Protein backbone atom coordinates (compact mmCIF):
# COMPACT_ATOMS: atom_id res chain seq x y z
CA TRP A 1 2.92 -7.72 10.43
CA SER A 2 6.11 -6.10 9.26
CA ALA A 3 7.15 -4.42 6.06
CA GLU A 4 9.88 -7.00 5.63
CA ALA A 5 7.44 -9.92 5.96
CA VAL A 6 4.74 -8.49 3.69
CA ASP A 7 6.32 -6.08 1.20
CA ASN A 8 9.64 -7.85 0.76
CA LYS A 9 9.46 -11.56 1.58
CA GLY A 10 5.75 -11.80 0.81
CA VAL A 11 6.22 -10.40 -2.69
CA LYS A 12 9.20 -12.70 -3.24
CA ASN A 13 7.08 -15.67 -2.11
CA VAL A 14 4.33 -14.72 -4.58
CA ALA A 15 6.88 -14.40 -7.40
CA ASP A 16 8.43 -17.76 -6.50
CA ALA A 17 5.00 -19.44 -6.37
CA CYS A 18 4.01 -17.98 -9.74
CA LYS A 19 7.26 -19.12 -11.28
CA ALA A 20 6.83 -22.62 -9.84
CA ALA A 21 3.21 -22.79 -11.08
CA GLY A 22 4.19 -21.76 -14.61
CA GLY A 23 1.77 -20.18 -17.02
CA VAL A 24 0.83 -17.27 -14.76
CA GLY A 25 -0.28 -14.39 -16.97
CA ARG A 26 0.98 -11.41 -15.02
CA VAL A 27 1.56 -10.35 -11.43
CA VAL A 28 0.29 -6.86 -10.61
CA LEU A 29 1.94 -5.37 -7.54
CA VAL A 30 0.49 -2.26 -5.93
CA SER A 31 3.51 -0.63 -4.32
CA SER A 32 3.90 3.03 -3.43
CA MET A 33 5.10 6.28 -4.86
CA LEU A 34 8.67 7.17 -3.78
CA THR A 35 9.88 3.58 -3.31
CA HIS A 36 12.82 3.96 -5.69
CA PRO A 37 16.10 4.65 -3.83
CA SER A 38 16.67 7.76 -5.95
CA ASN A 39 13.97 9.30 -3.75
CA ARG A 40 15.76 8.33 -0.51
CA LEU A 41 15.95 11.91 0.76
CA HIS A 42 12.33 12.82 -0.01
CA PRO A 43 10.76 13.83 3.32
CA VAL A 44 7.74 11.53 2.92
CA ARG A 45 9.94 8.53 2.11
CA VAL A 46 12.22 9.28 5.06
CA LEU A 47 9.21 9.58 7.38
CA LEU A 48 7.64 6.31 6.18
CA ASN A 49 10.94 4.47 6.46
CA ASN A 50 11.40 5.70 10.02
CA ILE A 51 7.90 5.12 11.39
CA ARG A 52 7.25 1.80 9.64
CA TRP A 53 10.52 -0.13 9.99
CA SER A 54 12.06 0.66 6.58
CA LEU A 55 8.73 0.32 4.79
CA MET A 56 9.86 1.97 1.55
CA ASP A 57 13.15 0.05 1.42
CA HIS A 58 11.27 -3.24 1.85
CA LYS A 59 8.71 -2.27 -0.79
CA TYR A 60 11.53 -1.61 -3.24
CA ALA A 61 13.25 -4.89 -2.34
CA GLY A 62 9.97 -6.69 -3.07
CA GLU A 63 9.70 -4.91 -6.42
CA GLU A 64 13.26 -5.95 -7.22
CA ALA A 65 12.52 -9.58 -6.29
CA LEU A 66 9.54 -9.52 -8.65
CA ARG A 67 11.60 -7.92 -11.43
CA GLY A 68 14.31 -10.55 -11.05
CA SER A 69 11.91 -13.49 -10.94
CA GLY A 70 11.32 -13.78 -14.65
CA VAL A 71 7.55 -13.67 -14.07
CA PRO A 72 5.65 -11.12 -16.20
CA PHE A 73 4.75 -8.21 -13.93
CA THR A 74 3.45 -4.69 -13.59
CA VAL A 75 4.25 -2.45 -10.63
CA VAL A 76 1.70 0.24 -9.83
CA ARG A 77 3.00 3.09 -7.65
CA PRO A 78 0.11 5.29 -6.59
CA GLY A 79 0.47 8.37 -4.45
CA GLY A 80 -1.96 9.14 -1.65
CA LEU A 81 -5.19 7.17 -1.94
CA THR A 82 -8.61 8.80 -1.79
CA ASN A 83 -12.21 7.58 -1.82
CA LYS A 84 -13.19 9.91 -4.69
CA PRO A 85 -14.95 8.47 -7.74
CA ALA A 86 -12.84 7.05 -10.55
CA GLY A 87 -11.91 9.21 -13.50
CA GLU A 88 -11.16 12.48 -11.72
CA THR A 89 -7.37 12.16 -11.89
CA GLN A 90 -5.10 12.16 -14.91
CA LEU A 91 -3.10 8.93 -14.84
CA ARG A 92 0.60 8.78 -15.68
CA ILE A 93 2.02 5.56 -17.04
CA ASP A 94 5.78 5.06 -17.35
CA VAL A 95 8.07 2.21 -18.17
CA ASN A 96 11.12 1.91 -15.88
CA ALA A 97 10.11 4.98 -13.87
CA THR A 98 12.48 6.03 -11.12
CA LYS A 99 11.63 9.54 -9.93
CA GLU A 100 7.98 10.48 -9.85
CA ALA A 101 7.06 13.62 -11.75
CA SER A 102 4.90 15.12 -9.04
CA PRO A 103 3.27 14.00 -5.84
CA GLY A 104 -0.45 13.73 -5.72
CA SER A 105 -3.39 11.60 -4.85
CA ILE A 106 -5.51 9.12 -6.75
CA SER A 107 -8.77 7.37 -6.04
CA ARG A 108 -8.70 3.74 -4.98
CA ALA A 109 -11.17 3.10 -7.82
CA ASP A 110 -8.66 4.40 -10.39
CA VAL A 111 -5.89 2.22 -8.92
CA ALA A 112 -8.17 -0.81 -9.07
CA ALA A 113 -9.08 -0.04 -12.68
CA VAL A 114 -5.41 0.16 -13.66
CA CYS A 115 -4.73 -3.16 -11.96
CA VAL A 116 -7.39 -5.08 -13.86
CA GLU A 117 -6.75 -3.57 -17.31
């Protein structure tokens, strides 16, 4: 697999399919912290882009394809994922967030709960 195929083209394909199907309630995309280009010089983003074939750039391109599709959507950008129980991390919810306030980790259970709300 490649970041381009999954995080960019794959997300675009999902958005296109939802648009073609009509009546889709909402697409929830689990992306990643630091995807926004304003974070392009953050060391973690630079590292991930270099070791995973522009992973963060492709994630952001997929987010942009979803935004431009006209399909209702939510993008969830968690930091590092843990296996801790849900409810141990304070969640931050923003509209049109670009720069993350602070790095951190979150349990997979909390991310899942946000996605199904």
